[in-house]
Amino acid sequence: MRISPDEWVFFSYGAFELNATISFTWLVMLLIAGASWIVTRNLSDTEEISPFQNFLEVLVTGLADQIQDVSRQEPGRYLPFVGTLFVFIAVSNLLSVVPGYAAPTGSLSTTTALALCVFVAVPLYGVASRGVIGYLKQYLRPTPFMLPFTVISELSRTIALAVRLYGNVMSGAMIAGILISITPFFFPVVMQLLGLITGFIQAYIFAVLAMVYIASATHAHEVKTARADQSSKES
């Protein structure tokens, strides 16, 4: 039994290996890009829209509402990044029902790469919202002695993001494989259904946590701006 899609090698030449993780990651990206192109090439602003456009609008609106609920901020600037994370993880996990497919999110290398994207995005959004000095000040609050603990917290939550997603996807695949070998009829179907639900939930949790971290890096600036606007209106 393959624990990780990294172990499933399609082609190797010297030090180069084309494994399932790389192959299915590119497959997922091509599917998402192709579906996006097909849906968005004939968008309509009338009441008569295609089912695909309707699904896209529901998805985008739902993601925007979730981002606004989590961050209490305008979702427009966060939607492309958080939405891409959610869609990629969700599609990667939901395709697990296809025979011969291995979810790239079952590889620690993939989940680490996604977590690193969040790790880089958090300070970028924070600096863009609060400025370099304003963002760096949070590492020294309430006292400069908190700096090493804050840095450790940043690193540990990145590791937690990667390991949480990897562990849930990998464990689900292993349980399904064991049940298939024991009872090849009823239980595998149930596990596949549970796997679809779990995969969708994991995508949602990862996206929400990413937004929570970004919101924590930008929230102080938004609060100050809102208070300033309120004061100017009252005066």
Protein backbone atom coordinates (compact mmCIF):
# COMPACT_ATOMS: atom_id res chain seq x y z
CA MET A 1 0.00 0.00 0.00
CA ARG A 2 1.35 3.43 -0.99
CA ILE A 3 1.19 5.83 1.95
CA SER A 4 1.96 8.87 -0.21
CA PRO A 5 1.55 9.60 -3.94
CA ASP A 6 5.24 10.54 -3.87
CA GLU A 7 5.98 6.81 -3.87
CA TRP A 8 4.03 6.28 -7.12
CA VAL A 9 6.67 7.01 -9.78
CA PHE A 10 5.57 7.13 -13.42
CA PHE A 11 8.91 7.99 -15.00
CA SER A 12 12.47 8.48 -13.81
CA TYR A 13 15.60 9.63 -15.53
CA GLY A 14 18.69 10.08 -13.40
CA ALA A 15 17.82 12.32 -10.49
CA PHE A 16 14.53 13.36 -12.11
CA GLU A 17 11.34 11.55 -11.08
CA LEU A 18 7.83 12.16 -12.35
CA ASN A 19 5.62 10.90 -9.56
CA ALA A 20 1.89 10.93 -8.95
CA THR A 21 2.06 14.04 -6.80
CA ILE A 22 3.51 16.16 -9.60
CA SER A 23 1.35 14.61 -12.32
CA PHE A 24 -1.97 14.90 -10.51
CA THR A 25 -1.15 18.40 -9.23
CA TRP A 26 -0.74 19.57 -12.82
CA LEU A 27 -3.87 17.65 -13.80
CA VAL A 28 -5.90 19.45 -11.14
CA MET A 29 -4.50 22.82 -12.20
CA LEU A 30 -5.32 22.13 -15.85
CA LEU A 31 -8.85 21.03 -14.96
CA ILE A 32 -9.47 24.16 -12.89
CA ALA A 33 -7.98 26.45 -15.55
CA GLY A 34 -9.92 24.72 -18.33
CA ALA A 35 -13.20 24.81 -16.43
CA SER A 36 -12.68 28.48 -15.56
CA TRP A 37 -12.04 29.34 -19.19
CA ILE A 38 -15.10 27.45 -20.40
CA VAL A 39 -17.40 29.00 -17.81
CA THR A 40 -16.16 32.59 -18.11
CA ARG A 41 -15.87 32.90 -21.90
CA ASN A 42 -19.65 33.36 -22.32
CA LEU A 43 -20.71 35.15 -19.17
CA SER A 44 -24.14 36.76 -19.25
CA ASP A 45 -25.55 39.66 -17.24
CA THR A 46 -29.14 38.82 -18.09
CA GLU A 47 -31.59 36.71 -16.10
CA GLU A 48 -30.93 33.72 -18.36
CA ILE A 49 -27.57 32.27 -17.38
CA SER A 50 -26.04 28.85 -17.82
CA PRO A 51 -25.98 26.33 -14.95
CA PHE A 52 -22.19 26.60 -14.92
CA GLN A 53 -22.28 30.38 -14.49
CA ASN A 54 -24.90 29.99 -11.80
CA PHE A 55 -22.66 27.53 -9.94
CA LEU A 56 -19.68 29.88 -10.32
CA GLU A 57 -21.64 32.82 -8.96
CA VAL A 58 -22.87 30.78 -5.99
CA LEU A 59 -19.29 29.62 -5.29
CA VAL A 60 -17.77 33.11 -5.51
CA THR A 61 -20.56 34.69 -3.48
CA GLY A 62 -20.33 31.99 -0.82
CA LEU A 63 -16.56 32.38 -0.53
CA ALA A 64 -16.85 36.17 -0.35
CA ASP A 65 -19.47 35.93 2.40
CA GLN A 66 -17.31 33.50 4.39
CA ILE A 67 -14.26 35.76 4.08
CA GLN A 68 -16.28 38.76 5.23
CA ASP A 69 -17.72 36.83 8.17
CA VAL A 70 -14.28 35.65 9.28
CA SER A 71 -12.31 38.85 8.72
CA ARG A 72 -14.99 41.55 9.14
CA GLN A 73 -13.34 43.22 6.16
CA GLU A 74 -14.10 43.80 2.49
CA PRO A 75 -13.45 40.39 0.85
CA GLY A 76 -12.41 41.62 -2.59
CA ARG A 77 -8.66 41.69 -2.10
CA TYR A 78 -8.53 38.34 -0.27
CA LEU A 79 -10.92 36.38 -2.50
CA PRO A 80 -8.45 35.43 -5.28
CA PHE A 81 -5.91 33.93 -2.88
CA VAL A 82 -8.24 32.25 -0.38
CA GLY A 83 -10.61 31.13 -3.13
CA THR A 84 -7.77 29.54 -5.09
CA LEU A 85 -6.64 27.62 -2.02
CA PHE A 86 -10.16 26.34 -1.40
CA VAL A 87 -10.87 25.35 -5.01
CA PHE A 88 -7.52 23.61 -5.50
CA ILE A 89 -7.78 21.57 -2.29
CA ALA A 90 -11.45 20.76 -2.84
CA VAL A 91 -10.96 19.58 -6.44
CA SER A 92 -7.83 17.62 -5.45
CA ASN A 93 -9.77 15.78 -2.76
CA LEU A 94 -13.07 15.31 -4.61
CA LEU A 95 -11.36 13.65 -7.57
CA SER A 96 -10.37 10.79 -5.25
CA VAL A 97 -13.49 8.95 -6.42
CA VAL A 98 -11.87 8.50 -9.86
CA PRO A 99 -10.13 5.09 -10.12
CA GLY A 100 -6.37 5.37 -10.46
CA TYR A 101 -6.25 8.88 -9.06
CA ALA A 102 -4.24 9.83 -5.99
CA ALA A 103 -4.95 13.17 -4.31
CA PRO A 104 -1.81 15.36 -4.35
CA THR A 105 -2.95 16.71 -0.97
CA GLY A 106 -2.06 13.25 0.37
CA SER A 107 1.59 14.26 -0.06
CA LEU A 108 3.34 16.24 2.64
CA SER A 109 5.26 18.14 -0.04
CA THR A 110 2.01 19.52 -1.49
CA THR A 111 0.47 20.47 1.84
CA THR A 112 3.75 22.09 2.91
CA ALA A 113 3.80 24.14 -0.29
CA LEU A 114 0.23 25.30 0.36
CA ALA A 115 1.08 26.16 3.98
CA LEU A 116 4.13 28.12 2.81
CA CYS A 117 1.89 30.11 0.47
CA VAL A 118 -0.15 31.13 3.51
CA PHE A 119 3.04 31.80 5.49
CA VAL A 120 4.20 34.25 2.80
CA ALA A 121 0.77 35.78 2.17
CA VAL A 122 0.12 36.72 5.81
CA PRO A 123 2.97 39.28 6.12
CA LEU A 124 2.38 40.53 2.57
CA TYR A 125 -1.25 41.35 3.33
CA GLY A 126 -0.25 42.69 6.74
CA VAL A 127 2.38 45.04 5.31
CA ALA A 128 0.05 46.16 2.52
CA SER A 129 -2.64 46.99 5.06
CA ARG A 130 -0.64 48.38 8.00
CA GLY A 131 2.74 49.29 6.57
CA VAL A 132 6.07 47.69 7.40
CA ILE A 133 6.50 49.39 10.79
CA GLY A 134 2.89 48.87 11.81
CA TYR A 135 3.01 45.19 10.94
CA LEU A 136 6.36 44.51 12.63
CA LYS A 137 5.18 46.21 15.83
CA GLN A 138 2.81 43.33 16.50
CA TYR A 139 5.80 41.04 17.05
CA LEU A 140 6.87 43.24 19.98
CA ARG A 141 3.52 43.44 21.76
CA PRO A 142 2.92 43.57 24.64
CA THR A 143 6.67 43.43 25.29
CA PRO A 144 9.77 42.94 23.10
CA PHE A 145 10.47 39.73 25.03
CA MET A 146 7.55 38.18 23.13
CA LEU A 147 9.42 38.36 19.81
CA PRO A 148 10.86 34.79 19.85
CA PHE A 149 7.53 33.34 20.96
CA THR A 150 5.66 35.20 18.21
CA VAL A 151 8.11 33.93 15.60
CA ILE A 152 7.74 30.37 16.92
CA SER A 153 3.96 30.78 16.76
CA GLU A 154 4.16 31.84 13.10
CA LEU A 155 6.28 28.81 12.23
CA SER A 156 4.26 26.33 14.27
CA ARG A 157 0.93 27.30 12.73
CA THR A 158 2.46 26.87 9.27
CA ILE A 159 3.58 23.36 10.21
CA ALA A 160 0.17 22.67 11.73
CA LEU A 161 -1.57 23.70 8.49
CA ALA A 162 0.57 21.35 6.42
CA VAL A 163 0.40 18.37 8.77
CA ARG A 164 -3.35 18.70 9.46
CA LEU A 165 -4.31 18.58 5.78
CA TYR A 166 -1.80 15.85 4.96
CA GLY A 167 -2.82 13.70 7.92
CA ASN A 168 -6.53 13.85 7.18
CA VAL A 169 -6.21 13.10 3.47
CA MET A 170 -3.59 10.37 3.93
CA SER A 171 -5.44 8.64 6.76
CA GLY A 172 -8.67 8.63 4.76
CA ALA A 173 -6.94 7.00 1.80
CA MET A 174 -5.34 4.36 4.03
CA ILE A 175 -8.62 3.46 5.74
CA ALA A 176 -10.37 3.16 2.38
CA GLY A 177 -7.59 0.92 1.07
CA ILE A 178 -7.80 -1.37 4.09
CA LEU A 179 -11.59 -1.69 3.82
CA ILE A 180 -11.37 -2.39 0.09
CA SER A 181 -9.01 -5.29 0.77
CA ILE A 182 -11.30 -6.69 3.49
CA THR A 183 -14.79 -6.02 2.15
CA PRO A 184 -14.73 -5.06 -1.53
CA PHE A 185 -18.40 -4.03 -1.83
CA PHE A 186 -20.37 -2.08 0.77
CA PHE A 187 -17.81 -0.38 3.02
CA PRO A 188 -15.65 1.09 0.22
CA VAL A 189 -18.69 2.92 -1.17
CA VAL A 190 -19.51 4.36 2.24
CA MET A 191 -15.88 5.36 2.76
CA GLN A 192 -15.77 7.06 -0.63
CA LEU A 193 -18.82 9.12 0.30
CA LEU A 194 -17.32 10.00 3.66
CA GLY A 195 -14.06 10.81 1.88
CA LEU A 196 -15.84 13.31 -0.38
CA ILE A 197 -17.40 15.04 2.62
CA THR A 198 -14.11 15.02 4.53
CA GLY A 199 -12.18 16.34 1.53
CA PHE A 200 -14.58 19.24 1.11
CA ILE A 201 -14.48 20.02 4.84
CA GLN A 202 -10.67 19.96 4.85
CA ALA A 203 -10.60 22.45 1.96
CA TYR A 204 -13.00 24.70 3.88
CA ILE A 205 -11.00 24.47 7.12
CA PHE A 206 -7.70 25.22 5.36
CA ALA A 207 -9.18 28.27 3.60
CA VAL A 208 -10.81 29.57 6.79
CA LEU A 209 -7.62 29.19 8.82
CA ALA A 210 -5.66 30.99 6.10
CA MET A 211 -8.17 33.84 6.27
CA VAL A 212 -8.02 33.92 10.07
CA TYR A 213 -4.23 34.33 9.94
CA ILE A 214 -4.48 37.04 7.28
CA ALA A 215 -7.24 38.84 9.19
CA SER A 216 -5.13 38.85 12.35
CA ALA A 217 -2.33 40.54 10.41
CA THR A 218 -4.58 43.25 8.92
CA HIS A 219 -7.37 43.71 11.47
CA ALA A 220 -5.75 46.42 13.59
CA HIS A 221 -5.38 48.71 10.59
CA GLU A 222 -8.98 48.15 9.53
CA VAL A 223 -10.26 48.93 13.03
CA LYS A 224 -8.30 52.18 13.16
CA THR A 225 -9.58 53.18 9.72
CA ALA A 226 -13.19 52.43 10.70
CA ARG A 227 -12.84 54.47 13.89
CA ALA A 228 -11.34 57.38 11.97
CA ASP A 229 -14.19 57.28 9.46
CA GLN A 230 -16.75 57.16 12.27
CA SER A 231 -15.11 60.13 14.03
CA SER A 232 -15.09 62.18 10.84
CA LYS A 233 -18.79 61.46 10.28
CA GLU A 234 -19.68 62.46 13.84
CA SER A 235 -17.72 65.70 13.58
